[in-house]
């Protein structure tokens, strides 16, 4: 039987997957939301959960909704042109 990941870890994996598929670097995400790259990596590893204000900024930079960020069934699109 597969080990179930804690919810915050699964959310972190989803954040990373979405960020990569949207073509956003860790550095760009971190700078946009006002955190260090290290904290951004902690979000993605599920070691730390972002507060609501940071979640809203994450959604803004990734062009997704809060529902999409936390919905297990959401699959981010793979082609995004960031200029």
Protein backbone atom coordinates (compact mmCIF):
# COMPACT_ATOMS: atom_id res chain seq x y z
CA UNK A 1 0.00 0.00 0.00
CA UNK A 2 1.34 3.45 -0.95
CA UNK A 3 2.19 5.80 1.88
CA UNK A 4 -0.18 8.78 1.98
CA UNK A 5 1.63 12.08 2.07
CA UNK A 6 0.63 14.72 4.60
CA UNK A 7 -1.65 17.35 3.01
CA UNK A 8 0.94 20.13 3.21
CA UNK A 9 3.51 17.93 1.45
CA UNK A 10 1.10 17.10 -1.35
CA UNK A 11 0.29 20.83 -1.73
CA UNK A 12 4.02 21.57 -1.92
CA UNK A 13 4.50 19.02 -4.68
CA UNK A 14 1.60 20.53 -6.56
CA UNK A 15 3.05 24.02 -6.15
CA UNK A 16 6.37 22.84 -7.57
CA UNK A 17 4.72 20.99 -10.46
CA UNK A 18 2.58 24.01 -11.34
CA UNK A 19 5.51 26.42 -11.05
CA UNK A 20 7.64 24.31 -13.37
CA UNK A 21 4.86 23.73 -15.89
CA UNK A 22 4.12 27.45 -15.95
CA UNK A 23 7.81 28.18 -16.59
CA UNK A 24 8.32 30.20 -13.40
CA UNK A 25 11.69 29.94 -11.63
CA UNK A 26 12.01 29.55 -7.88
CA UNK A 27 13.82 32.90 -7.80
CA UNK A 28 11.08 34.72 -9.70
CA UNK A 29 8.36 33.23 -7.49
CA UNK A 30 10.28 34.06 -4.32
CA UNK A 31 10.98 37.64 -5.39
CA UNK A 32 7.38 38.23 -6.49
CA UNK A 33 5.92 37.09 -3.18
CA UNK A 34 8.65 38.63 -1.01
CA UNK A 35 10.38 35.56 0.40
CA UNK A 36 13.80 33.95 0.07
CA UNK A 37 14.50 31.12 -2.37
CA UNK A 38 15.03 28.87 0.66
CA UNK A 39 11.54 29.53 1.99
CA UNK A 40 10.12 28.89 -1.47
CA UNK A 41 11.88 25.52 -1.52
CA UNK A 42 10.46 24.76 1.94
CA UNK A 43 6.96 25.46 0.60
CA UNK A 44 7.59 23.01 -2.25
CA UNK A 45 8.97 20.32 0.08
CA UNK A 46 5.98 20.72 2.39
CA UNK A 47 8.16 21.77 5.32
CA UNK A 48 6.37 25.10 5.67
CA UNK A 49 2.90 26.16 4.58
CA UNK A 50 2.47 29.65 3.16
CA UNK A 51 0.04 32.03 4.83
CA UNK A 52 -3.05 33.11 2.93
CA UNK A 53 -1.55 36.39 1.72
CA UNK A 54 1.40 34.49 0.23
CA UNK A 55 -0.95 31.91 -1.32
CA UNK A 56 -2.80 34.72 -3.08
CA UNK A 57 0.48 36.10 -4.46
CA UNK A 58 1.58 32.61 -5.54
CA UNK A 59 -1.69 32.25 -7.43
CA UNK A 60 -1.21 35.65 -9.02
CA UNK A 61 2.27 34.87 -10.34
CA UNK A 62 1.22 31.39 -11.51
CA UNK A 63 -2.05 32.73 -12.98
CA UNK A 64 -4.22 30.22 -11.14
CA UNK A 65 -6.95 30.44 -8.52
CA UNK A 66 -6.69 29.39 -4.88
CA UNK A 67 -9.04 26.54 -5.71
CA UNK A 68 -6.71 25.36 -8.44
CA UNK A 69 -3.71 25.58 -6.12
CA UNK A 70 -5.33 23.29 -3.56
CA UNK A 71 -7.58 21.14 -5.79
CA UNK A 72 -6.12 17.64 -6.16
CA UNK A 73 -7.74 17.25 -9.58
CA UNK A 74 -6.29 20.44 -11.13
CA UNK A 75 -3.68 19.81 -13.82
CA UNK A 76 -1.77 22.94 -14.86
CA UNK A 77 -1.34 23.71 -18.56
CA UNK A 78 2.11 23.06 -19.98
CA UNK A 79 2.51 25.97 -22.39
CA UNK A 80 2.80 29.48 -21.03
CA UNK A 81 4.65 32.40 -22.59
CA UNK A 82 6.26 34.54 -19.87
CA UNK A 83 7.53 37.88 -21.12
